[in-house]
C-alpha atoms as a PDB file:
ATOM      1  CA  MET A   1      63.058   2.445 -25.937  1.00  0.00           C
ATOM      2  CA  PRO A   2      61.304   5.871 -25.745  1.00  0.00           C
ATOM      3  CA  LYS A   3      61.003   7.308 -22.314  1.00  0.00           C
ATOM      4  CA  THR A   4      57.748   7.151 -20.521  1.00  0.00           C
ATOM      5  CA  PHE A   5      56.317   9.779 -18.391  1.00  0.00           C
ATOM      6  CA  PRO A   6      54.020   9.536 -15.339  1.00  0.00           C
ATOM      7  CA  ASN A   7      50.370  10.830 -15.761  1.00  0.00           C
ATOM      8  CA  SER A   8      51.403  13.685 -13.110  1.00  0.00           C
ATOM      9  CA  ARG A   9      53.829  14.967 -15.552  1.00  0.00           C
ATOM     10  CA  LYS A  10      51.542  14.901 -18.375  1.00  0.00           C
ATOM     11  CA  GLU A  11      48.941  16.660 -16.231  1.00  0.00           C
ATOM     12  CA  LEU A  12      51.557  19.157 -15.640  1.00  0.00           C
ATOM     13  CA  TRP A  13      52.310  19.869 -19.359  1.00  0.00           C
ATOM     14  CA  LEU A  14      48.491  20.117 -20.063  1.00  0.00           C
ATOM     15  CA  SER A  15      48.126  22.588 -17.336  1.00  0.00           C
ATOM     16  CA  GLN A  16      51.138  24.727 -18.572  1.00  0.00           C
ATOM     17  CA  HIS A  17      49.870  24.413 -22.124  1.00  0.00           C
ATOM     18  CA  GLU A  18      46.577  25.791 -21.054  1.00  0.00           C
ATOM     19  CA  GLN A  19      48.154  28.463 -19.308  1.00  0.00           C
ATOM     20  CA  GLY A  20      49.930  29.615 -22.626  1.00  0.00           C
ATOM     21  CA  LYS A  21      53.220  27.834 -22.865  1.00  0.00           C
ATOM     22  CA  THR A  22      53.920  26.356 -26.340  1.00  0.00           C
ATOM     23  CA  ILE A  23      54.762  22.767 -26.862  1.00  0.00           C
ATOM     24  CA  LYS A  24      58.306  23.801 -27.827  1.00  0.00           C
ATOM     25  CA  GLN A  25      58.779  25.630 -24.618  1.00  0.00           C
ATOM     26  CA  ILE A  26      57.501  22.881 -22.551  1.00  0.00           C
ATOM     27  CA  ALA A  27      59.564  20.091 -24.403  1.00  0.00           C
ATOM     28  CA  THR A  28      62.766  22.353 -24.190  1.00  0.00           C
ATOM     29  CA  LYS A  29      62.247  22.660 -20.263  1.00  0.00           C
ATOM     30  CA  ALA A  30      61.509  18.718 -20.035  1.00  0.00           C
ATOM     31  CA  LYS A  31      64.398  17.822 -22.222  1.00  0.00           C
ATOM     32  CA  CYS A  32      62.254  15.649 -24.430  1.00  0.00           C
ATOM     33  CA  ASP A  33      60.799  15.602 -28.019  1.00  0.00           C
ATOM     34  CA  MET A  34      58.211  17.933 -28.905  1.00  0.00           C
ATOM     35  CA  ARG A  35      55.967  15.030 -30.371  1.00  0.00           C
ATOM     36  CA  THR A  36      55.981  13.485 -26.957  1.00  0.00           C
ATOM     37  CA  VAL A  37      54.640  16.544 -25.201  1.00  0.00           C
ATOM     38  CA  LYS A  38      52.041  16.855 -27.779  1.00  0.00           C
ATOM     39  CA  ARG A  39      50.851  13.191 -27.445  1.00  0.00           C
ATOM     40  CA  ALA A  40      50.788  13.417 -23.743  1.00  0.00           C
ATOM     41  CA  ILE A  41      48.718  16.748 -23.794  1.00  0.00           C
ATOM     42  CA  GLU A  42      46.136  15.044 -26.178  1.00  0.00           C
ATOM     43  CA  GLU A  43      46.133  12.062 -24.215  1.00  0.00           C
ATOM     44  CA  MET A  44      45.263  13.978 -20.990  1.00  0.00           C
ATOM     45  CA  ARG A  45      42.664  15.936 -22.971  1.00  0.00           C
ATOM     46  CA  GLY A  46      40.953  12.805 -24.085  1.00  0.00           C
ATOM     47  CA  ARG A  47      40.932  11.388 -20.472  1.00  0.00           C
ATOM     48  CA  HIS A  48      39.467  14.644 -19.284  1.00  0.00           C
ATOM     49  CA  ALA A  49      36.723  14.597 -21.853  1.00  0.00           C
ATOM     50  CA  ALA A  50      35.933  11.031 -21.065  1.00  0.00           C
ATOM     51  CA  GLN A  51      35.725  11.734 -17.367  1.00  0.00           C
ATOM     52  CA  GLU A  52      33.510  14.709 -17.926  1.00  0.00           C
ATOM     53  CA  VAL A  53      31.260  12.669 -19.989  1.00  0.00           C
ATOM     54  CA  MET A  54      31.117   9.812 -17.475  1.00  0.00           C
ATOM     55  CA  THR A  55      30.472  12.471 -14.615  1.00  0.00           C
ATOM     56  CA  GLN A  56      27.545  14.041 -16.555  1.00  0.00           C
ATOM     57  CA  LEU A  57      26.056  10.521 -17.083  1.00  0.00           C
ATOM     58  CA  TYR A  58      26.504   9.609 -13.405  1.00  0.00           C
ATOM     59  CA  ARG A  59      25.037  12.834 -12.509  1.00  0.00           C
ATOM     60  CA  GLU A  60      21.873  12.311 -14.875  1.00  0.00           C
ATOM     61  CA  ALA A  61      21.720   8.718 -13.530  1.00  0.00           C
ATOM     62  CA  PHE A  62      21.576   9.839  -9.954  1.00  0.00           C
ATOM     63  CA  ARG A  63      19.021  12.529 -10.525  1.00  0.00           C
ATOM     64  CA  GLY A  64      16.825   9.868 -12.202  1.00  0.00           C
ATOM     65  CA  HIS A  65      17.073   7.647  -9.132  1.00  0.00           C
ATOM     66  CA  ILE A  66      16.186  10.601  -6.918  1.00  0.00           C
ATOM     67  CA  ASP A  67      13.211  11.547  -9.178  1.00  0.00           C
ATOM     68  CA  ARG A  68      12.071   7.963  -9.131  1.00  0.00           C
ATOM     69  CA  LEU A  69      12.060   7.622  -5.413  1.00  0.00           C
ATOM     70  CA  ASN A  70      10.405  10.970  -5.107  1.00  0.00           C
ATOM     71  CA  SER A  71       7.645   9.974  -7.246  1.00  0.00           C
ATOM     72  CA  ALA A  72       7.284   6.703  -5.268  1.00  0.00           C
ATOM     73  CA  LEU A  73       7.215   8.851  -2.046  1.00  0.00           C
ATOM     74  CA  ASP A  74       4.374  10.932  -3.868  1.00  0.00           C
ATOM     75  CA  LEU A  75       2.436   7.719  -4.535  1.00  0.00           C
ATOM     76  CA  ILE A  76       2.649   6.585  -0.881  1.00  0.00           C
ATOM     77  CA  ILE A  77       1.490   9.767   0.416  1.00  0.00           C
ATOM     78  CA  GLU A  78      -1.413   9.936  -2.045  1.00  0.00           C
ATOM     79  CA  GLY A  79      -2.480   6.552  -1.105  1.00  0.00           C
ATOM     80  CA  LEU A  80      -2.656   7.542   2.674  1.00  0.00           C
ATOM     81  CA  LEU A  81      -6.383   7.520   2.710  1.00  0.00           C
ATOM     82  CA  LEU A  82      -9.038   6.437   5.100  1.00  0.00           C
ATOM     83  CA  PRO A  83     -10.918   3.252   3.916  1.00  0.00           C
ATOM     84  CA  ASP A  84     -14.618   3.106   3.561  1.00  0.00           C
ATOM     85  CA  PRO A  85     -15.685   3.220   7.293  1.00  0.00           C
ATOM     86  CA  TYR A  86     -18.184   0.303   6.515  1.00  0.00           C
ATOM     87  CA  PHE A  87     -15.533  -1.851   4.438  1.00  0.00           C
ATOM     88  CA  THR A  88     -16.116  -5.495   3.991  1.00  0.00           C
ATOM     89  CA  ALA A  89     -12.775  -6.966   3.745  1.00  0.00           C
ATOM     90  CA  LEU A  90     -13.789 -10.585   2.296  1.00  0.00           C
ATOM     91  CA  GLY A  91     -15.551 -11.794  -0.639  1.00  0.00           C
ATOM     92  CA  TRP A  92     -18.933 -13.074   0.672  1.00  0.00           C
ATOM     93  CA  ALA A  93     -19.286 -15.649  -1.893  1.00  0.00           C
ATOM     94  CA  ASN A  94     -16.013 -17.337  -0.573  1.00  0.00           C
ATOM     95  CA  ILE A  95     -17.376 -17.094   2.873  1.00  0.00           C
ATOM     96  CA  ALA A  96     -20.648 -18.630   1.826  1.00  0.00           C
ATOM     97  CA  LEU A  97     -18.817 -21.557   0.002  1.00  0.00           C
ATOM     98  CA  SER A  98     -15.836 -22.338   2.312  1.00  0.00           C
ATOM     99  CA  GLY A  99     -16.544 -20.532   5.415  1.00  0.00           C
ATOM    100  CA  SER A 100     -13.333 -18.734   5.375  1.00  0.00           C
ATOM    101  CA  ALA A 101     -11.455 -16.171   2.884  1.00  0.00           C
ATOM    102  CA  SER A 102      -8.405 -14.479   2.612  1.00  0.00           C
ATOM    103  CA  GLN A 103      -7.852 -10.749   2.512  1.00  0.00           C
ATOM    104  CA  GLU A 104      -5.437  -8.954   0.084  1.00  0.00           C
ATOM    105  CA  SER A 105      -2.883  -8.831   2.852  1.00  0.00           C
ATOM    106  CA  GLY A 106      -3.293 -12.474   4.218  1.00  0.00           C
ATOM    107  CA  GLU A 107      -5.537 -14.652   5.933  1.00  0.00           C
ATOM    108  CA  VAL A 108      -8.150 -13.129   8.429  1.00  0.00           C
ATOM    109  CA  GLY A 109      -6.644 -13.714  12.051  1.00  0.00           C
ATOM    110  CA  GLU A 110      -4.253 -12.123  14.402  1.00  0.00           C
ATOM    111  CA  GLU A 111      -2.326  -9.252  13.388  1.00  0.00           C
ATOM    112  CA  GLY A 112       1.263  -9.933  11.964  1.00  0.00           C
ATOM    113  CA  SER A 113       4.492  -8.255  12.809  1.00  0.00           C
ATOM    114  CA  ASN A 114       5.513  -7.264   9.377  1.00  0.00           C
ATOM    115  CA  ASP A 115       6.798  -3.779   8.948  1.00  0.00           C
ATOM    116  CA  SER A 116       5.588  -1.450   6.148  1.00  0.00           C
ATOM    117  CA  GLU A 117       8.560  -2.517   3.764  1.00  0.00           C
ATOM    118  CA  GLN A 118       8.489  -6.123   4.326  1.00  0.00           C
ATOM    119  CA  GLY A 119       7.237  -8.350   1.355  1.00  0.00           C
ATOM    120  CA  ASP A 120       8.717  -5.698  -1.116  1.00  0.00           C
ATOM    121  CA  ASP A 121      11.383  -6.711  -3.591  1.00  0.00           C
ATOM    122  CA  VAL A 122      14.607  -5.424  -2.069  1.00  0.00           C
ATOM    123  CA  LEU A 123      15.221  -3.158  -5.135  1.00  0.00           C
ATOM    124  CA  SER A 124      11.716  -1.920  -5.444  1.00  0.00           C
ATOM    125  CA  ASP A 125      11.057   1.790  -4.960  1.00  0.00           C
ATOM    126  CA  LYS A 126       9.378   1.323  -1.684  1.00  0.00           C
ATOM    127  CA  ALA A 127      12.374  -0.882  -0.307  1.00  0.00           C
ATOM    128  CA  LEU A 128      14.833   1.796  -1.342  1.00  0.00           C
ATOM    129  CA  ILE A 129      12.840   4.426   0.229  1.00  0.00           C
ATOM    130  CA  ALA A 130      12.903   2.342   3.371  1.00  0.00           C
ATOM    131  CA  GLU A 131      16.658   2.187   3.397  1.00  0.00           C
ATOM    132  CA  HIS A 132      16.775   5.894   3.117  1.00  0.00           C
ATOM    133  CA  LEU A 133      14.231   6.448   5.966  1.00  0.00           C
ATOM    134  CA  LYS A 134      15.020   3.684   8.107  1.00  0.00           C
ATOM    135  CA  ASN A 135      14.610   4.670  11.859  1.00  0.00           C
ATOM    136  CA  SER A 136      13.330   7.955  10.789  1.00  0.00           C
ATOM    137  CA  LYS A 137      10.236   9.244  12.369  1.00  0.00           C
ATOM    138  CA  ALA A 138       8.500   9.321   9.140  1.00  0.00           C
ATOM    139  CA  TRP A 139       9.143   5.589   8.532  1.00  0.00           C
ATOM    140  CA  ARG A 140       8.052   4.633  11.793  1.00  0.00           C
ATOM    141  CA  ALA A 141       4.767   6.739  11.473  1.00  0.00           C
ATOM    142  CA  LEU A 142       4.226   4.743   8.250  1.00  0.00           C
ATOM    143  CA  GLY A 143       4.726   1.587   9.961  1.00  0.00           C
ATOM    144  CA  ASP A 144       2.172   2.393  12.425  1.00  0.00           C
ATOM    145  CA  TRP A 145      -0.341   3.475   9.741  1.00  0.00           C
ATOM    146  CA  THR A 146       0.168   0.041   8.046  1.00  0.00           C
ATOM    147  CA  ARG A 147      -0.162  -1.859  11.060  1.00  0.00           C
ATOM    148  CA  SER A 148      -3.476  -0.001  12.071  1.00  0.00           C
ATOM    149  CA  LEU A 149      -4.773  -0.596   8.614  1.00  0.00           C
ATOM    150  CA  ARG A 150      -4.077  -4.165   8.785  1.00  0.00           C
ATOM    151  CA  ARG A 151      -5.734  -4.395  12.246  1.00  0.00           C
ATOM    152  CA  HIS A 152      -8.694  -2.572  10.783  1.00  0.00           C
ATOM    153  CA  ARG A 153      -9.133  -5.004   7.819  1.00  0.00           C
ATOM    154  CA  THR A 154      -8.666  -7.991  10.116  1.00  0.00           C
ATOM    155  CA  ALA A 155     -11.406  -6.689  12.483  1.00  0.00           C
ATOM    156  CA  CYS A 156     -13.576  -6.155   9.312  1.00  0.00           C
ATOM    157  CA  GLY A 157     -13.089  -9.701   8.312  1.00  0.00           C
ATOM    158  CA  LYS A 158     -13.803 -11.057  11.586  1.00  0.00           C
ATOM    159  CA  LEU A 159     -17.111  -9.237  11.694  1.00  0.00           C
ATOM    160  CA  GLN A 160     -18.033 -10.746   8.352  1.00  0.00           C
ATOM    161  CA  MET A 161     -17.327 -14.242   9.543  1.00  0.00           C
ATOM    162  CA  ARG A 162     -19.392 -13.590  12.628  1.00  0.00           C
ATOM    163  CA  SER A 163     -22.251 -12.126  10.565  1.00  0.00           C
ATOM    164  CA  PHE A 164     -22.314 -14.991   8.319  1.00  0.00           C
ATOM    165  CA  GLU A 165     -22.149 -17.667  11.366  1.00  0.00           C
ATOM    166  CA  VAL A 166     -25.121 -15.786  13.132  1.00  0.00           C
ATOM    167  CA  LEU A 167     -27.112 -15.551   9.906  1.00  0.00           C
ATOM    168  CA  MET A 168     -26.661 -19.336   9.326  1.00  0.00           C
ATOM    169  CA  GLN A 169     -27.666 -20.112  12.969  1.00  0.00           C
ATOM    170  CA  LEU A 170     -30.817 -17.946  13.150  1.00  0.00           C
ATOM    171  CA  THR A 171     -32.131 -18.570   9.602  1.00  0.00           C
ATOM    172  CA  GLY A 172     -31.119 -22.071   8.922  1.00  0.00           C
ATOM    173  CA  LEU A 173     -31.204 -21.358   5.179  1.00  0.00           C
ATOM    174  CA  ASN A 174     -28.828 -22.331   2.340  1.00  0.00           C
ATOM    175  CA  THR A 175     -27.016 -19.443   0.846  1.00  0.00           C
ATOM    176  CA  TYR A 176     -27.766 -18.258  -2.600  1.00  0.00           C
ATOM    177  CA  GLU A 177     -24.077 -18.433  -3.391  1.00  0.00           C
ATOM    178  CA  GLU A 178     -24.125 -22.258  -2.833  1.00  0.00           C
ATOM    179  CA  ARG A 179     -27.226 -22.807  -4.665  1.00  0.00           C
ATOM    180  CA  ASN A 180     -28.250 -25.713  -6.823  1.00  0.00           C
ATOM    181  CA  ALA A 181     -31.391 -27.395  -8.498  1.00  0.00           C
ATOM    182  CA  ASP A 182     -32.558 -28.687  -5.240  1.00  0.00           C
ATOM    183  CA  SER A 183     -31.567 -25.886  -2.924  1.00  0.00           C
ATOM    184  CA  GLY A 184     -34.986 -24.670  -1.799  1.00  0.00           C
ATOM    185  CA  PRO A 185     -35.208 -21.258  -0.014  1.00  0.00           C
ATOM    186  CA  LEU A 186     -31.998 -19.219   0.097  1.00  0.00           C
ATOM    187  CA  LEU A 187     -30.358 -16.581   1.942  1.00  0.00           C
ATOM    188  CA  HIS A 188     -28.158 -14.105  -0.160  1.00  0.00           C
ATOM    189  CA  ALA A 189     -25.421 -13.865   1.988  1.00  0.00           C
ATOM    190  CA  GLU A 190     -23.609 -10.861   0.148  1.00  0.00           C
ATOM    191  CA  ASN A 191     -26.811  -8.747   0.295  1.00  0.00           C
ATOM    192  CA  THR A 192     -27.733  -9.640   3.882  1.00  0.00           C
ATOM    193  CA  GLY A 193     -24.368  -9.970   5.387  1.00  0.00           C
ATOM    194  CA  ASP A 194     -23.308  -6.659   3.957  1.00  0.00           C
ATOM    195  CA  LEU A 195     -26.428  -4.963   5.437  1.00  0.00           C
ATOM    196  CA  LEU A 196     -25.675  -6.314   8.709  1.00  0.00           C
ATOM    197  CA  CYS A 197     -22.086  -5.423   8.893  1.00  0.00           C
ATOM    198  CA  ARG A 198     -22.701  -1.801   7.464  1.00  0.00           C
ATOM    199  CA  THR A 199     -25.672  -1.396   9.744  1.00  0.00           C
ATOM    200  CA  ILE A 200     -24.104  -2.398  12.950  1.00  0.00           C
ATOM    201  CA  VAL A 201     -20.888  -0.219  12.353  1.00  0.00           C
ATOM    202  CA  LYS A 202     -23.063   2.830  11.366  1.00  0.00           C
ATOM    203  CA  ASP A 203     -25.180   2.227  14.428  1.00  0.00           C
ATOM    204  CA  LEU A 204     -22.066   2.134  16.681  1.00  0.00           C
ATOM    205  CA  SER A 205     -20.708   5.214  14.903  1.00  0.00           C
ATOM    206  CA  GLY A 206     -23.994   7.117  15.472  1.00  0.00           C
ATOM    207  CA  ASP A 207     -24.749   7.228  11.806  1.00  0.00           C
ATOM    208  CA  THR A 208     -28.007   5.348  11.679  1.00  0.00           C
ATOM    209  CA  ASP A 209     -30.400   3.469  13.912  1.00  0.00           C
ATOM    210  CA  ILE A 210     -30.838  -0.275  13.991  1.00  0.00           C
ATOM    211  CA  GLU A 211     -34.536  -0.003  14.548  1.00  0.00           C
ATOM    212  CA  MET A 212     -35.004   2.247  11.588  1.00  0.00           C
ATOM    213  CA  VAL A 213     -33.088  -0.288   9.433  1.00  0.00           C
ATOM    214  CA  ALA A 214     -35.220  -3.182  10.875  1.00  0.00           C
ATOM    215  CA  LYS A 215     -38.459  -1.421   9.890  1.00  0.00           C
ATOM    216  CA  GLU A 216     -37.226  -1.369   6.132  1.00  0.00           C
ATOM    217  CA  ILE A 217     -36.752  -5.125   6.244  1.00  0.00           C
ATOM    218  CA  VAL A 218     -39.904  -6.474   4.720  1.00  0.00           C
ATOM    219  CA  ILE A 219     -41.456  -9.428   3.245  1.00  0.00           C
ATOM    220  CA  ASP A 220     -43.215  -9.811  -0.214  1.00  0.00           C
ATOM    221  CA  ASN A 221     -45.577 -12.944   0.246  1.00  0.00           C
ATOM    222  CA  GLU A 222     -46.400 -13.171  -3.487  1.00  0.00           C
ATOM    223  CA  ARG A 223     -42.822 -13.343  -4.381  1.00  0.00           C
ATOM    224  CA  GLY A 224     -41.756 -15.375  -1.413  1.00  0.00           C
ATOM    225  CA  ILE A 225     -38.876 -12.947  -0.637  1.00  0.00           C
ATOM    226  CA  VAL A 226     -37.355 -10.787   2.019  1.00  0.00           C
ATOM    227  CA  LEU A 227     -36.326  -7.393   0.845  1.00  0.00           C
ATOM    228  CA  PHE A 228     -34.458  -4.182   2.071  1.00  0.00           C
ATOM    229  CA  ARG A 229     -35.033  -1.119  -0.013  1.00  0.00           C
ATOM    230  CA  GLY A 230     -35.550  -3.296  -3.011  1.00  0.00           C
ATOM    231  CA  THR A 231     -32.511  -5.548  -2.428  1.00  0.00           C
ATOM    232  CA  VAL A 232     -33.295  -9.125  -2.010  1.00  0.00           C
ATOM    233  CA  LEU A 233     -32.160 -10.672   1.149  1.00  0.00           C
ATOM    234  CA  ALA A 234     -33.714 -14.163   0.806  1.00  0.00           C
ATOM    235  CA  GLU A 235     -35.945 -15.864  -1.580  1.00  0.00           C
ATOM    236  CA  GLY A 236     -37.843 -19.100  -2.608  1.00  0.00           C
ATOM    237  CA  ILE A 237     -39.863 -19.051   0.812  1.00  0.00           C
ATOM    238  CA  LYS A 238     -43.419 -20.091   0.089  1.00  0.00           C
ATOM    239  CA  GLU A 239     -45.059 -20.255   3.450  1.00  0.00           C
ATOM    240  CA  SER A 240     -46.020 -16.736   4.901  1.00  0.00           C
ATOM    241  CA  LYS A 241     -45.052 -17.914   8.352  1.00  0.00           C
ATOM    242  CA  GLU A 242     -41.675 -19.035   7.404  1.00  0.00           C
ATOM    243  CA  LEU A 243     -41.257 -15.760   5.295  1.00  0.00           C
ATOM    244  CA  ALA A 244     -42.022 -13.689   8.479  1.00  0.00           C
ATOM    245  CA  GLU A 245     -39.705 -15.920  10.740  1.00  0.00           C
ATOM    246  CA  CYS A 246     -36.946 -15.443   8.142  1.00  0.00           C
ATOM    247  CA  ARG A 247     -37.326 -11.684   8.222  1.00  0.00           C
ATOM    248  CA  ASP A 248     -37.310 -11.823  12.126  1.00  0.00           C
ATOM    249  CA  SER A 249     -34.107 -13.873  12.249  1.00  0.00           C
ATOM    250  CA  ILE A 250     -32.318 -11.262   9.966  1.00  0.00           C
ATOM    251  CA  VAL A 251     -33.486  -8.517  12.392  1.00  0.00           C
ATOM    252  CA  GLU A 252     -32.527 -10.722  15.470  1.00  0.00           C
ATOM    253  CA  ALA A 253     -29.212 -10.971  13.715  1.00  0.00           C
ATOM    254  CA  LEU A 254     -28.707  -7.265  13.790  1.00  0.00           C
ATOM    255  CA  LYS A 255     -29.184  -7.284  17.624  1.00  0.00           C
ATOM    256  CA  VAL A 256     -27.027 -10.249  18.301  1.00  0.00           C
ATOM    257  CA  LEU A 257     -24.081  -8.562  16.547  1.00  0.00           C
ATOM    258  CA  LYS A 258     -24.450  -5.326  18.139  1.00  0.00           C
ATOM    259  CA  GLU A 259     -23.810  -7.106  21.355  1.00  0.00           C
ATOM    260  CA  GLY A 260     -20.672  -8.645  20.197  1.00  0.00           C
ATOM    261  CA  SER A 261     -17.255  -7.559  20.421  1.00  0.00           C
ATOM    262  CA  GLU A 262     -16.347  -7.723  16.666  1.00  0.00           C
ATOM    263  CA  ALA A 263     -18.496  -4.717  15.550  1.00  0.00           C
ATOM    264  CA  PHE A 264     -16.870  -2.537  18.479  1.00  0.00           C
ATOM    265  CA  GLN A 265     -13.429  -3.725  17.220  1.00  0.00           C
ATOM    266  CA  VAL A 266     -14.206  -2.546  13.859  1.00  0.00           C
ATOM    267  CA  VAL A 267     -15.275   0.941  15.188  1.00  0.00           C
ATOM    268  CA  ASN A 268     -12.238   1.089  17.583  1.00  0.00           C
ATOM    269  CA  THR A 269      -9.643   0.308  14.775  1.00  0.00           C
ATOM    270  CA  PHE A 270     -11.162   2.817  12.344  1.00  0.00           C
ATOM    271  CA  GLN A 271     -10.894   5.384  15.069  1.00  0.00           C
ATOM    272  CA  GLN A 272      -7.253   4.592  15.545  1.00  0.00           C
ATOM    273  CA  LEU A 273      -6.667   5.037  11.726  1.00  0.00           C
ATOM    274  CA  GLU A 274      -8.162   8.362  12.048  1.00  0.00           C
ATOM    275  CA  LYS A 275      -5.719   9.093  14.686  1.00  0.00           C
ATOM    276  CA  VAL A 276      -2.775   7.934  13.014  1.00  0.00           C
ATOM    277  CA  LEU A 277      -3.388   9.495   9.515  1.00  0.00           C
ATOM    278  CA  PRO A 278      -2.528  13.057  10.134  1.00  0.00           C
ATOM    279  CA  LYS A 279       0.782  12.258  11.736  1.00  0.00           C
ATOM    280  CA  VAL A 280       1.963  10.008   8.861  1.00  0.00           C
ATOM    281  CA  ARG A 281       0.876  12.329   6.268  1.00  0.00           C
ATOM    282  CA  ASN A 282       2.738  15.433   7.944  1.00  0.00           C
ATOM    283  CA  GLU A 283       5.939  13.361   8.562  1.00  0.00           C
ATOM    284  CA  LEU A 284       6.188  12.066   4.678  1.00  0.00           C
ATOM    285  CA  ARG A 285       5.201  15.397   3.380  1.00  0.00           C
ATOM    286  CA  ALA A 286       8.072  17.121   5.431  1.00  0.00           C
ATOM    287  CA  VAL A 287      10.581  14.614   4.001  1.00  0.00           C
ATOM    288  CA  ARG A 288       8.923  15.262   0.435  1.00  0.00           C
ATOM    289  CA  LEU A 289       9.480  19.030   0.717  1.00  0.00           C
ATOM    290  CA  MET A 290      13.309  18.510   1.036  1.00  0.00           C
ATOM    291  CA  GLY A 291      13.458  17.428  -2.444  1.00  0.00           C
ATOM    292  CA  VAL A 292      16.068  14.880  -1.791  1.00  0.00           C
ATOM    293  CA  LEU A 293      15.501  11.825   0.559  1.00  0.00           C
ATOM    294  CA  PRO A 294      17.840  11.809   3.566  1.00  0.00           C
ATOM    295  CA  GLY A 295      20.245   8.786   4.153  1.00  0.00           C
ATOM    296  CA  GLN A 296      21.230   6.301   1.678  1.00  0.00           C
ATOM    297  CA  CYS A 297      20.358   3.293  -0.034  1.00  0.00           C
ATOM    298  CA  ARG A 298      22.123   0.573  -1.814  1.00  0.00           C
ATOM    299  CA  ILE A 299      21.966   2.189  -4.975  1.00  0.00           C
ATOM    300  CA  CYS A 300      23.267   5.611  -3.620  1.00  0.00           C
ATOM    301  CA  ARG A 301      26.136   3.696  -2.251  1.00  0.00           C
ATOM    302  CA  GLN A 302      26.837   2.470  -5.804  1.00  0.00           C
ATOM    303  CA  PHE A 303      27.104   6.110  -6.970  1.00  0.00           C
ATOM    304  CA  GLY A 304      29.808   6.453  -4.272  1.00  0.00           C
ATOM    305  CA  LEU A 305      27.805   8.678  -2.022  1.00  0.00           C
END
């Protein structure tokens, strides 16, 4: 049975050969056949070449992983924008038809306790970034931003719901969104509700004046409609008295909403977003400038890092 040699001996022979010794010199000193030394050297060279290929593949794969996370972080940073300050979170048609609706992030109600990465697939880029930045100032800042944005959207949704309730109470009309052949006079919930929400928030922010807007809410007796700058707010009202009462009810709704807490909450939560935004941007940009995310994620650990 041919004698076998450990890999450490084969590595030694390869090293000696690369340093200039001949196979015959190595075999003579090792007291073995030259063919054995030659096969061992070729075997070690093959192993080294395979290891080099695998190392290069791992290097490229890891670089791809880092590049992908950096791109995902770029998208997160680019998405850090203030929403429309007069944003309406819910679909007016759904409110009119069902009395409630859901936002992109969930039902309108009390703020949830989800962190910024909850709900993401555990292997999504955002979830992996979260593993890298867990407990860091940057990720805590992003969590603050996410919660503040959720609070603002919830506040917007509550203002919309309250606007719809007040309009229904004061006008007593059916909505255009739930119309049928026998509906009679109709209130355009989307047009009117959007006007109310935006006007109230703008008024509280000092960007407009309710009284000025109220003067532009007018009636067209011939067509039986209530208008604001050409946009129909209510229609199908034949009597001039009822038309004037509808117009006055919409104006009164503006005043009622201004005194409520819902509009103040929209303004307050938007101001909080303005305060949080610079901090989260700066923290994430500082991380991005490093080029490599600090910490590790489960993919990094599979690379043995």
